[in-house]
Amino acid sequence: MKFVPFCLLLIAFSGLAQPKFDIAAASDYQKQLNKEYADPTKSPLPEQDLKTFSGLDFYPVNEKFIVEAKFVKSQKQKPFGMKTTGDRRPMYVKYGELHFDLDGKSHQLNVYRNIELVKKEGYEDHLFLPFSDETSGKETYVGGRYIDMRVPLSDKIVIDFNRAYNPYCAYNYKYSCPIVPLENDLKAAIEAGVKKFHD
């Protein structure tokens, strides 16, 4: 099955080097996401949904869900075929760990690199952050959500959960999407980013 690995990588990259708590940047990102999905030449939406599309359902942009994490680069990781919703097994490698606090509790997420994608011009420092949380299957897509990031220049990195978006397969069965690894299931409710498309 055809798969577009990440939506809006270019516009996501344009705002990734934002300072902490940049609410305006998060809001602009969501507006651009809506614009992309409304464009029939770029949208993952099937024709019947595109005809009635008026915008994705987002949580309100919330400063609470822009967190600074400690980045710990992984060492000597072997590439692996990440499971998808189809038959594909794209090759990824665990690039590092993100350690952060939310609501007084400590959390960890693994961040990955797509081995083929980073060979393409413009994506050399791309990182892929898939996650699920306590909203998954309730207010947000059951399969979890993604955030696009860049390799940090230090041991600190900002995670803006307001930029969390759904896999394309949340909208259209023809796509094959990476399945969130079990270790990236957060024991927290991330009430930020895109909600599920259909009830």
N, C-alpha and C. Protein backbone atom coordinates (compact mmCIF):
# COMPACT_ATOMS: atom_id res chain seq x y z
N MET A 1 0.83 -1.20 0.00
CA MET A 1 0.00 0.00 0.00
C MET A 1 0.87 1.25 0.00
N LYS A 2 0.39 2.24 -0.67
CA LYS A 2 1.11 3.50 -0.71
C LYS A 2 1.07 4.15 0.65
N PHE A 3 2.18 4.77 1.02
CA PHE A 3 2.22 5.43 2.33
C PHE A 3 3.01 6.72 2.25
N VAL A 4 2.42 7.77 2.74
CA VAL A 4 3.12 9.03 2.91
C VAL A 4 3.55 9.07 4.37
N PRO A 5 4.85 8.94 4.69
CA PRO A 5 5.28 8.67 6.05
C PRO A 5 4.91 9.72 7.08
N PHE A 6 4.99 10.98 6.70
CA PHE A 6 4.67 12.01 7.66
C PHE A 6 3.99 13.16 6.93
N CYS A 7 2.97 13.72 7.54
CA CYS A 7 2.30 14.84 6.89
C CYS A 7 2.96 16.14 7.28
N LEU A 8 3.04 17.01 6.30
CA LEU A 8 3.48 18.38 6.54
C LEU A 8 4.88 18.49 7.14
N LEU A 9 5.79 17.66 6.67
CA LEU A 9 7.12 17.71 7.25
C LEU A 9 7.77 19.09 7.06
N LEU A 10 7.57 19.64 5.90
CA LEU A 10 8.24 20.90 5.62
C LEU A 10 7.73 22.02 6.49
N ILE A 11 6.40 22.13 6.62
CA ILE A 11 5.89 23.23 7.46
C ILE A 11 6.14 22.93 8.92
N ALA A 12 6.19 21.64 9.27
CA ALA A 12 6.51 21.31 10.66
C ALA A 12 7.93 21.72 10.97
N PHE A 13 8.86 21.45 10.02
CA PHE A 13 10.25 21.81 10.23
C PHE A 13 10.43 23.31 10.38
N SER A 14 9.64 24.06 9.67
CA SER A 14 9.84 25.51 9.65
C SER A 14 9.66 26.13 11.02
N GLY A 15 8.94 25.45 11.91
CA GLY A 15 8.72 26.04 13.22
C GLY A 15 9.26 25.21 14.37
N LEU A 16 10.10 24.21 14.08
CA LEU A 16 10.52 23.33 15.15
C LEU A 16 11.53 23.97 16.09
N ALA A 17 12.30 24.90 15.59
CA ALA A 17 13.31 25.52 16.44
C ALA A 17 12.71 26.70 17.20
N GLN A 18 11.55 26.47 17.77
CA GLN A 18 10.86 27.53 18.49
C GLN A 18 11.25 27.50 19.96
N PRO A 19 11.25 28.67 20.62
CA PRO A 19 11.50 28.67 22.06
C PRO A 19 10.34 28.03 22.80
N LYS A 20 10.58 27.70 24.04
CA LYS A 20 9.55 27.09 24.87
C LYS A 20 8.36 28.03 25.01
N PHE A 21 7.17 27.44 25.06
CA PHE A 21 5.93 28.18 25.28
C PHE A 21 5.59 29.15 24.14
N ASP A 22 5.90 28.77 22.91
CA ASP A 22 5.56 29.60 21.76
C ASP A 22 4.15 29.24 21.29
N ILE A 23 3.17 29.84 21.93
CA ILE A 23 1.77 29.54 21.65
C ILE A 23 1.39 29.94 20.23
N ALA A 24 1.90 31.08 19.77
CA ALA A 24 1.56 31.55 18.43
C ALA A 24 2.03 30.57 17.36
N ALA A 25 3.22 30.00 17.55
CA ALA A 25 3.75 29.04 16.57
C ALA A 25 2.89 27.79 16.53
N ALA A 26 2.43 27.33 17.68
CA ALA A 26 1.57 26.15 17.73
C ALA A 26 0.25 26.41 17.02
N SER A 27 -0.30 27.59 17.23
CA SER A 27 -1.55 27.96 16.58
C SER A 27 -1.38 28.07 15.07
N ASP A 28 -0.28 28.66 14.63
CA ASP A 28 0.00 28.78 13.20
C ASP A 28 0.16 27.40 12.56
N TYR A 29 0.81 26.50 13.27
CA TYR A 29 0.99 25.15 12.75
C TYR A 29 -0.37 24.49 12.51
N GLN A 30 -1.28 24.63 13.44
CA GLN A 30 -2.59 24.02 13.29
C GLN A 30 -3.36 24.63 12.12
N LYS A 31 -3.22 25.92 11.91
CA LYS A 31 -3.88 26.56 10.77
C LYS A 31 -3.32 26.02 9.46
N GLN A 32 -2.00 25.83 9.41
CA GLN A 32 -1.38 25.30 8.21
C GLN A 32 -1.80 23.85 7.96
N LEU A 33 -1.98 23.10 9.05
CA LEU A 33 -2.42 21.72 8.92
C LEU A 33 -3.82 21.67 8.30
N ASN A 34 -4.70 22.54 8.76
CA ASN A 34 -6.04 22.61 8.17
C ASN A 34 -5.98 22.99 6.70
N LYS A 35 -5.13 23.92 6.36
CA LYS A 35 -4.98 24.34 4.97
C LYS A 35 -4.52 23.17 4.11
N GLU A 36 -3.59 22.39 4.62
CA GLU A 36 -3.07 21.24 3.89
C GLU A 36 -4.16 20.20 3.66
N TYR A 37 -4.94 19.94 4.68
CA TYR A 37 -5.98 18.91 4.57
C TYR A 37 -7.13 19.34 3.67
N ALA A 38 -7.31 20.64 3.51
CA ALA A 38 -8.37 21.15 2.64
C ALA A 38 -7.96 21.16 1.18
N ASP A 39 -6.68 20.97 0.91
CA ASP A 39 -6.14 20.99 -0.46
C ASP A 39 -6.26 19.59 -1.06
N PRO A 40 -7.11 19.41 -2.08
CA PRO A 40 -7.31 18.07 -2.64
C PRO A 40 -6.06 17.46 -3.26
N THR A 41 -5.06 18.27 -3.57
CA THR A 41 -3.82 17.73 -4.15
C THR A 41 -2.87 17.19 -3.08
N LYS A 42 -3.14 17.50 -1.81
CA LYS A 42 -2.24 17.10 -0.73
C LYS A 42 -2.95 16.33 0.38
N SER A 43 -4.25 16.46 0.47
CA SER A 43 -5.00 15.91 1.59
C SER A 43 -5.06 14.39 1.57
N PRO A 44 -4.99 13.75 2.75
CA PRO A 44 -5.19 12.31 2.84
C PRO A 44 -6.68 11.93 2.87
N LEU A 45 -7.54 12.93 2.96
CA LEU A 45 -8.96 12.66 3.11
C LEU A 45 -9.55 12.04 1.83
N PRO A 46 -10.41 11.04 1.98
CA PRO A 46 -11.11 10.52 0.81
C PRO A 46 -12.08 11.58 0.27
N GLU A 47 -12.48 11.40 -0.96
CA GLU A 47 -13.28 12.42 -1.65
C GLU A 47 -14.54 12.80 -0.88
N GLN A 48 -15.22 11.83 -0.31
CA GLN A 48 -16.48 12.13 0.36
C GLN A 48 -16.27 12.99 1.61
N ASP A 49 -15.14 12.79 2.31
CA ASP A 49 -14.86 13.61 3.48
C ASP A 49 -14.31 14.97 3.10
N LEU A 50 -13.57 15.02 2.00
CA LEU A 50 -12.99 16.29 1.56
C LEU A 50 -14.09 17.28 1.18
N LYS A 51 -15.19 16.77 0.64
CA LYS A 51 -16.29 17.65 0.21
C LYS A 51 -16.91 18.41 1.38
N THR A 52 -16.90 17.80 2.56
CA THR A 52 -17.54 18.42 3.72
C THR A 52 -16.54 18.92 4.76
N PHE A 53 -15.26 18.84 4.42
CA PHE A 53 -14.22 19.20 5.39
C PHE A 53 -14.23 20.69 5.70
N SER A 54 -14.29 21.02 6.99
CA SER A 54 -14.24 22.42 7.41
C SER A 54 -13.12 22.68 8.40
N GLY A 55 -12.37 21.65 8.73
CA GLY A 55 -11.25 21.81 9.66
C GLY A 55 -11.13 20.63 10.59
N LEU A 56 -9.91 20.35 11.01
CA LEU A 56 -9.68 19.29 11.98
C LEU A 56 -10.13 19.75 13.36
N ASP A 57 -10.45 18.79 14.20
CA ASP A 57 -10.88 19.10 15.56
C ASP A 57 -9.65 19.05 16.47
N PHE A 58 -9.23 20.22 16.93
CA PHE A 58 -8.08 20.33 17.81
C PHE A 58 -8.51 20.62 19.25
N TYR A 59 -7.71 20.17 20.18
CA TYR A 59 -7.80 20.72 21.52
C TYR A 59 -7.35 22.19 21.45
N PRO A 60 -7.84 23.03 22.36
CA PRO A 60 -7.29 24.40 22.40
C PRO A 60 -5.78 24.36 22.66
N VAL A 61 -5.06 25.24 21.99
CA VAL A 61 -3.62 25.32 22.22
C VAL A 61 -3.36 25.60 23.70
N ASN A 62 -2.49 24.80 24.31
CA ASN A 62 -2.31 24.86 25.75
C ASN A 62 -0.82 24.85 26.08
N GLU A 63 -0.37 25.90 26.77
CA GLU A 63 1.03 26.03 27.16
C GLU A 63 1.51 24.86 28.01
N LYS A 64 0.61 24.27 28.77
CA LYS A 64 0.96 23.15 29.64
C LYS A 64 1.60 22.00 28.87
N PHE A 65 1.18 21.84 27.61
CA PHE A 65 1.65 20.71 26.82
C PHE A 65 2.80 21.06 25.88
N ILE A 66 3.49 22.14 26.21
CA ILE A 66 4.77 22.45 25.58
C ILE A 66 5.82 22.24 26.67
N VAL A 67 6.54 21.14 26.58
CA VAL A 67 7.44 20.76 27.68
C VAL A 67 8.88 20.68 27.21
N GLU A 68 9.77 21.02 28.10
CA GLU A 68 11.19 20.87 27.82
C GLU A 68 11.63 19.50 28.33
N ALA A 69 12.26 18.73 27.48
CA ALA A 69 12.70 17.39 27.83
C ALA A 69 14.21 17.29 27.81
N LYS A 70 14.73 16.37 28.61
CA LYS A 70 16.15 16.03 28.53
C LYS A 70 16.31 14.98 27.45
N PHE A 71 17.22 15.24 26.53
CA PHE A 71 17.47 14.32 25.42
C PHE A 71 18.70 13.47 25.73
N VAL A 72 18.52 12.15 25.68
CA VAL A 72 19.63 11.22 25.89
C VAL A 72 19.80 10.41 24.61
N LYS A 73 20.89 10.64 23.91
CA LYS A 73 21.11 9.95 22.63
C LYS A 73 21.41 8.47 22.87
N SER A 74 20.78 7.62 22.09
CA SER A 74 20.99 6.19 22.20
C SER A 74 22.31 5.79 21.55
N GLN A 75 22.89 4.72 22.03
CA GLN A 75 24.17 4.24 21.52
C GLN A 75 24.01 2.82 20.99
N LYS A 76 24.67 2.55 19.87
CA LYS A 76 24.76 1.20 19.31
C LYS A 76 23.40 0.51 19.15
N GLN A 77 22.46 1.23 18.59
CA GLN A 77 21.13 0.68 18.36
C GLN A 77 21.07 -0.01 17.00
N LYS A 78 20.44 -1.15 16.94
CA LYS A 78 20.29 -1.86 15.68
C LYS A 78 19.01 -1.43 14.98
N PRO A 79 19.05 -1.23 13.67
CA PRO A 79 17.83 -0.91 12.92
C PRO A 79 16.81 -2.05 13.06
N PHE A 80 15.56 -1.68 12.99
CA PHE A 80 14.49 -2.68 13.09
C PHE A 80 13.35 -2.29 12.16
N GLY A 81 12.57 -3.28 11.77
CA GLY A 81 11.40 -3.02 10.95
C GLY A 81 10.22 -2.67 11.83
N MET A 82 9.78 -1.42 11.76
CA MET A 82 8.66 -0.99 12.59
C MET A 82 7.34 -1.53 12.04
N LYS A 83 6.52 -2.08 12.90
CA LYS A 83 5.23 -2.60 12.49
C LYS A 83 4.35 -1.47 11.98
N THR A 84 3.54 -1.77 10.99
CA THR A 84 2.61 -0.78 10.44
C THR A 84 1.22 -1.40 10.38
N THR A 85 0.27 -0.59 9.96
CA THR A 85 -1.09 -1.07 9.80
C THR A 85 -1.25 -1.92 8.55
N GLY A 86 -0.20 -2.01 7.75
CA GLY A 86 -0.21 -2.85 6.55
C GLY A 86 0.91 -3.87 6.61
N ASP A 87 1.40 -4.26 5.45
CA ASP A 87 2.45 -5.27 5.37
C ASP A 87 3.85 -4.68 5.40
N ARG A 88 3.97 -3.39 5.22
CA ARG A 88 5.29 -2.76 5.19
C ARG A 88 5.99 -2.88 6.54
N ARG A 89 7.29 -2.90 6.51
CA ARG A 89 8.10 -2.85 7.71
C ARG A 89 9.25 -1.87 7.45
N PRO A 90 8.97 -0.56 7.45
CA PRO A 90 10.02 0.43 7.21
C PRO A 90 11.09 0.34 8.30
N MET A 91 12.31 0.59 7.92
CA MET A 91 13.43 0.46 8.84
C MET A 91 13.64 1.75 9.64
N TYR A 92 13.65 1.58 10.94
CA TYR A 92 13.89 2.68 11.87
C TYR A 92 15.02 2.29 12.81
N VAL A 93 15.51 3.28 13.51
CA VAL A 93 16.45 3.03 14.58
C VAL A 93 16.07 3.95 15.75
N LYS A 94 16.17 3.42 16.94
CA LYS A 94 15.93 4.27 18.12
C LYS A 94 17.08 5.27 18.21
N TYR A 95 16.73 6.56 18.18
CA TYR A 95 17.77 7.59 18.17
C TYR A 95 18.05 8.13 19.56
N GLY A 96 17.04 8.12 20.42
CA GLY A 96 17.27 8.67 21.75
C GLY A 96 16.05 8.56 22.64
N GLU A 97 16.21 9.05 23.85
CA GLU A 97 15.13 9.06 24.84
C GLU A 97 14.86 10.50 25.25
N LEU A 98 13.58 10.79 25.46
CA LEU A 98 13.16 12.11 25.92
C LEU A 98 12.57 11.95 27.32
N HIS A 99 13.16 12.62 28.28
CA HIS A 99 12.71 12.55 29.67
C HIS A 99 12.12 13.90 30.06
N PHE A 100 10.89 13.88 30.57
CA PHE A 100 10.22 15.13 30.90
C PHE A 100 9.23 14.91 32.02
N ASP A 101 8.81 16.02 32.64
CA ASP A 101 7.81 15.99 33.69
C ASP A 101 6.52 16.63 33.19
N LEU A 102 5.39 16.06 33.63
CA LEU A 102 4.08 16.60 33.31
C LEU A 102 3.16 16.33 34.48
N ASP A 103 2.54 17.38 34.97
CA ASP A 103 1.66 17.26 36.14
C ASP A 103 2.37 16.61 37.33
N GLY A 104 3.63 16.94 37.51
CA GLY A 104 4.37 16.44 38.65
C GLY A 104 4.85 15.01 38.53
N LYS A 105 4.67 14.38 37.37
CA LYS A 105 5.10 13.01 37.17
C LYS A 105 6.15 12.95 36.06
N SER A 106 7.07 12.01 36.21
CA SER A 106 8.13 11.85 35.22
C SER A 106 7.70 10.88 34.12
N HIS A 107 8.07 11.21 32.88
CA HIS A 107 7.70 10.40 31.73
C HIS A 107 8.90 10.23 30.81
N GLN A 108 8.83 9.20 29.99
CA GLN A 108 9.87 8.96 28.99
C GLN A 108 9.23 8.53 27.68
N LEU A 109 9.74 9.07 26.58
CA LEU A 109 9.36 8.66 25.24
C LEU A 109 10.62 8.38 24.44
N ASN A 110 10.56 7.37 23.59
CA ASN A 110 11.65 7.11 22.66
C ASN A 110 11.38 7.85 21.35
N VAL A 111 12.43 8.34 20.75
CA VAL A 111 12.31 9.03 19.47
C VAL A 111 13.15 8.26 18.46
N TYR A 112 12.66 8.22 17.20
CA TYR A 112 13.22 7.32 16.20
C TYR A 112 13.64 8.08 14.94
N ARG A 113 14.48 7.42 14.12
CA ARG A 113 14.84 7.93 12.80
C ARG A 113 14.44 6.91 11.76
N ASN A 114 13.82 7.39 10.69
CA ASN A 114 13.51 6.56 9.55
C ASN A 114 14.76 6.52 8.67
N ILE A 115 15.33 5.35 8.51
CA ILE A 115 16.63 5.22 7.86
C ILE A 115 16.61 5.69 6.41
N GLU A 116 15.53 5.44 5.71
CA GLU A 116 15.45 5.88 4.31
C GLU A 116 15.14 7.36 4.21
N LEU A 117 14.25 7.85 5.06
CA LEU A 117 13.84 9.25 4.97
C LEU A 117 15.01 10.21 5.19
N VAL A 118 15.89 9.89 6.14
CA VAL A 118 16.98 10.81 6.45
C VAL A 118 18.03 10.87 5.35
N LYS A 119 17.92 10.01 4.35
CA LYS A 119 18.82 10.08 3.19
C LYS A 119 18.36 11.14 2.19
N LYS A 120 17.13 11.63 2.36
CA LYS A 120 16.58 12.60 1.43
C LYS A 120 16.95 14.02 1.84
N GLU A 121 17.21 14.83 0.84
CA GLU A 121 17.58 16.22 1.10
C GLU A 121 16.49 16.95 1.87
N GLY A 122 16.89 17.61 2.93
CA GLY A 122 15.95 18.36 3.75
C GLY A 122 15.47 17.61 4.98
N TYR A 123 15.70 16.30 5.00
CA TYR A 123 15.21 15.49 6.12
C TYR A 123 16.35 14.83 6.90
N GLU A 124 17.56 15.30 6.69
CA GLU A 124 18.73 14.65 7.29
C GLU A 124 18.67 14.60 8.82
N ASP A 125 18.04 15.59 9.42
CA ASP A 125 17.98 15.64 10.89
C ASP A 125 16.57 15.39 11.42
N HIS A 126 15.75 14.72 10.62
CA HIS A 126 14.38 14.46 11.03
C HIS A 126 14.30 13.37 12.10
N LEU A 127 13.45 13.59 13.09
CA LEU A 127 13.16 12.60 14.11
C LEU A 127 11.65 12.36 14.15
N PHE A 128 11.29 11.14 14.48
CA PHE A 128 9.90 10.70 14.49
C PHE A 128 9.50 10.32 15.91
N LEU A 129 8.47 11.00 16.42
CA LEU A 129 7.99 10.74 17.78
C LEU A 129 6.55 10.24 17.74
N PRO A 130 6.35 8.93 17.75
CA PRO A 130 5.00 8.38 17.83
C PRO A 130 4.65 8.14 19.30
N PHE A 131 3.40 8.38 19.67
CA PHE A 131 3.01 8.14 21.06
C PHE A 131 1.51 7.87 21.15
N SER A 132 1.14 7.17 22.19
CA SER A 132 -0.27 7.03 22.57
C SER A 132 -0.38 7.48 24.01
N ASP A 133 -1.59 7.72 24.46
CA ASP A 133 -1.78 8.24 25.81
C ASP A 133 -3.18 7.90 26.29
N GLU A 134 -3.58 8.43 27.41
CA GLU A 134 -4.86 8.07 28.01
C GLU A 134 -6.07 8.65 27.29
N THR A 135 -5.85 9.50 26.29
CA THR A 135 -6.97 9.96 25.45
C THR A 135 -7.17 9.07 24.24
N SER A 136 -6.20 8.20 23.94
CA SER A 136 -6.27 7.37 22.74
C SER A 136 -7.46 6.42 22.80
N GLY A 137 -8.23 6.43 21.73
CA GLY A 137 -9.43 5.60 21.67
C GLY A 137 -10.64 6.23 22.32
N LYS A 138 -10.43 7.39 22.93
CA LYS A 138 -11.53 8.13 23.56
C LYS A 138 -11.74 9.43 22.78
N GLU A 139 -10.94 10.45 23.10
CA GLU A 139 -11.05 11.72 22.39
C GLU A 139 -10.12 11.80 21.19
N THR A 140 -9.09 10.95 21.19
CA THR A 140 -8.13 10.98 20.09
C THR A 140 -8.07 9.62 19.40
N TYR A 141 -7.39 9.58 18.28
CA TYR A 141 -7.31 8.37 17.45
C TYR A 141 -6.79 7.19 18.26
N VAL A 142 -7.46 6.07 18.10
CA VAL A 142 -7.13 4.87 18.89
C VAL A 142 -5.71 4.40 18.68
N GLY A 143 -5.15 4.65 17.50
CA GLY A 143 -3.80 4.18 17.18
C GLY A 143 -2.69 5.09 17.63
N GLY A 144 -3.02 6.19 18.31
CA GLY A 144 -2.00 7.13 18.75
C GLY A 144 -1.74 8.22 17.73
N ARG A 145 -0.78 9.07 18.03
CA ARG A 145 -0.49 10.23 17.18
C ARG A 145 1.01 10.38 17.01
N TYR A 146 1.39 11.31 16.14
CA TYR A 146 2.80 11.53 15.81
C TYR A 146 3.18 13.01 16.02
N ILE A 147 4.46 13.22 16.26
CA ILE A 147 5.04 14.57 16.25
C ILE A 147 6.34 14.48 15.46
N ASP A 148 6.58 15.42 14.56
CA ASP A 148 7.83 15.51 13.81
C ASP A 148 8.78 16.44 14.56
N MET A 149 10.04 16.02 14.66
CA MET A 149 11.02 16.79 15.41
C MET A 149 12.34 16.82 14.63
N ARG A 150 13.26 17.60 15.17
CA ARG A 150 14.61 17.67 14.61
C ARG A 150 15.62 17.24 15.65
N VAL A 151 16.76 16.74 15.18
CA VAL A 151 17.85 16.38 16.08
C VAL A 151 18.26 17.62 16.86
N PRO A 152 18.24 17.55 18.19
CA PRO A 152 18.60 18.73 18.98
C PRO A 152 20.09 19.01 18.94
N LEU A 153 20.45 20.26 19.21
CA LEU A 153 21.85 20.66 19.22
C LEU A 153 22.46 20.55 20.61
N SER A 154 21.65 20.17 21.59
CA SER A 154 22.12 20.02 22.96
C SER A 154 21.37 18.87 23.61
N ASP A 155 21.45 18.78 24.92
CA ASP A 155 20.74 17.72 25.62
C ASP A 155 19.35 18.16 26.07
N LYS A 156 18.87 19.26 25.51
CA LYS A 156 17.53 19.75 25.79
C LYS A 156 16.74 19.82 24.48
N ILE A 157 15.47 19.47 24.57
CA ILE A 157 14.61 19.54 23.39
C ILE A 157 13.19 19.86 23.84
N VAL A 158 12.47 20.64 23.05
CA VAL A 158 11.10 21.00 23.37
C VAL A 158 10.15 20.06 22.65
N ILE A 159 9.22 19.48 23.39
CA ILE A 159 8.14 18.68 22.82
C ILE A 159 6.88 19.53 22.87
N ASP A 160 6.34 19.85 21.72
CA ASP A 160 5.09 20.62 21.65
C ASP A 160 3.97 19.67 21.26
N PHE A 161 3.24 19.19 22.25
CA PHE A 161 2.15 18.26 21.99
C PHE A 161 0.99 18.92 21.25
N ASN A 162 0.96 20.24 21.18
CA ASN A 162 -0.05 20.93 20.38
C ASN A 162 0.13 20.64 18.89
N ARG A 163 1.29 20.11 18.52
CA ARG A 163 1.59 19.76 17.13
C ARG A 163 1.32 18.29 16.83
N ALA A 164 0.77 17.56 17.79
CA ALA A 164 0.49 16.14 17.58
C ALA A 164 -0.57 15.97 16.49
N TYR A 165 -0.30 15.11 15.53
CA TYR A 165 -1.23 14.89 14.43
C TYR A 165 -1.52 13.41 14.27
N ASN A 166 -2.61 13.11 13.60
CA ASN A 166 -3.01 11.72 13.37
C ASN A 166 -2.25 11.10 12.20
N PRO A 167 -2.02 9.79 12.25
CA PRO A 167 -1.52 9.10 11.05
C PRO A 167 -2.53 9.24 9.91
N TYR A 168 -2.05 9.17 8.69
CA TYR A 168 -2.96 9.26 7.55
C TYR A 168 -4.01 8.16 7.56
N CYS A 169 -3.66 7.00 8.13
CA CYS A 169 -4.62 5.90 8.13
C CYS A 169 -5.79 6.17 9.06
N ALA A 170 -5.73 7.22 9.87
CA ALA A 170 -6.88 7.61 10.68
C ALA A 170 -7.98 8.21 9.82
N TYR A 171 -7.62 8.60 8.59
CA TYR A 171 -8.57 9.25 7.69
C TYR A 171 -8.91 8.39 6.48
N ASN A 172 -7.98 7.52 6.10
CA ASN A 172 -8.15 6.82 4.83
C ASN A 172 -7.48 5.44 4.91
N TYR A 173 -8.24 4.40 4.67
CA TYR A 173 -7.75 3.02 4.81
C TYR A 173 -6.64 2.67 3.83
N LYS A 174 -6.46 3.45 2.77
CA LYS A 174 -5.47 3.09 1.75
C LYS A 174 -4.04 3.31 2.22
N TYR A 175 -3.86 4.02 3.33
CA TYR A 175 -2.52 4.30 3.83
C TYR A 175 -2.07 3.24 4.83
N SER A 176 -0.78 3.04 4.87
CA SER A 176 -0.14 2.14 5.83
C SER A 176 0.72 2.98 6.76
N CYS A 177 0.46 2.90 8.06
CA CYS A 177 1.09 3.81 9.00
C CYS A 177 1.83 3.07 10.11
N PRO A 178 2.95 3.61 10.57
CA PRO A 178 3.65 2.99 11.69
C PRO A 178 2.76 2.88 12.93
N ILE A 179 2.85 1.75 13.59
CA ILE A 179 2.11 1.52 14.83
C ILE A 179 2.97 2.00 16.00
N VAL A 180 2.37 2.75 16.90
CA VAL A 180 3.11 3.29 18.04
C VAL A 180 3.69 2.14 18.88
N PRO A 181 5.01 2.13 19.10
CA PRO A 181 5.61 1.09 19.94
C PRO A 181 5.03 1.13 21.36
N LEU A 182 4.92 -0.02 21.98
CA LEU A 182 4.33 -0.11 23.31
C LEU A 182 5.05 0.76 24.33
N GLU A 183 6.36 0.89 24.18
CA GLU A 183 7.13 1.69 25.14
C GLU A 183 6.81 3.17 25.06
N ASN A 184 6.09 3.60 24.03
CA ASN A 184 5.72 5.01 23.90
C ASN A 184 4.26 5.27 24.25
N ASP A 185 3.71 4.43 25.11
CA ASP A 185 2.36 4.64 25.63
C ASP A 185 2.47 5.42 26.93
N LEU A 186 2.05 6.67 26.91
CA LEU A 186 2.17 7.54 28.08
C LEU A 186 1.05 7.29 29.09
N LYS A 187 1.42 7.27 30.34
CA LYS A 187 0.44 7.17 31.42
C LYS A 187 0.02 8.58 31.83
N ALA A 188 -0.54 9.27 30.86
CA ALA A 188 -0.99 10.65 31.05
C ALA A 188 -1.98 10.97 29.95
N ALA A 189 -2.84 11.93 30.19
CA ALA A 189 -3.81 12.37 29.19
C ALA A 189 -3.24 13.60 28.48
N ILE A 190 -2.86 13.42 27.22
CA ILE A 190 -2.30 14.53 26.44
C ILE A 190 -3.45 15.22 25.71
N GLU A 191 -4.04 16.19 26.37
CA GLU A 191 -5.20 16.90 25.81
C GLU A 191 -4.70 18.08 24.98
N ALA A 192 -4.02 17.74 23.90
CA ALA A 192 -3.42 18.73 23.00
C ALA A 192 -3.29 18.09 21.63
N GLY A 193 -3.27 18.94 20.61
CA GLY A 193 -3.11 18.45 19.26
C GLY A 193 -4.44 18.04 18.64
N VAL A 194 -4.36 17.20 17.61
CA VAL A 194 -5.54 16.80 16.84
C VAL A 194 -6.33 15.72 17.59
N LYS A 195 -7.65 15.87 17.58
CA LYS A 195 -8.53 14.84 18.12
C LYS A 195 -8.89 13.86 17.01
N LYS A 196 -9.67 12.83 17.34
CA LYS A 196 -10.06 11.86 16.33
C LYS A 196 -10.98 12.50 15.31
N PHE A 197 -10.98 11.95 14.10
CA PHE A 197 -11.69 12.56 12.99
C PHE A 197 -13.18 12.23 12.99
N HIS A 198 -13.50 10.96 13.19
CA HIS A 198 -14.90 10.54 13.24
C HIS A 198 -15.21 9.94 14.60
N ASP A 199 -16.38 10.20 15.13
CA ASP A 199 -16.80 9.57 16.38
C ASP A 199 -17.21 8.12 16.10
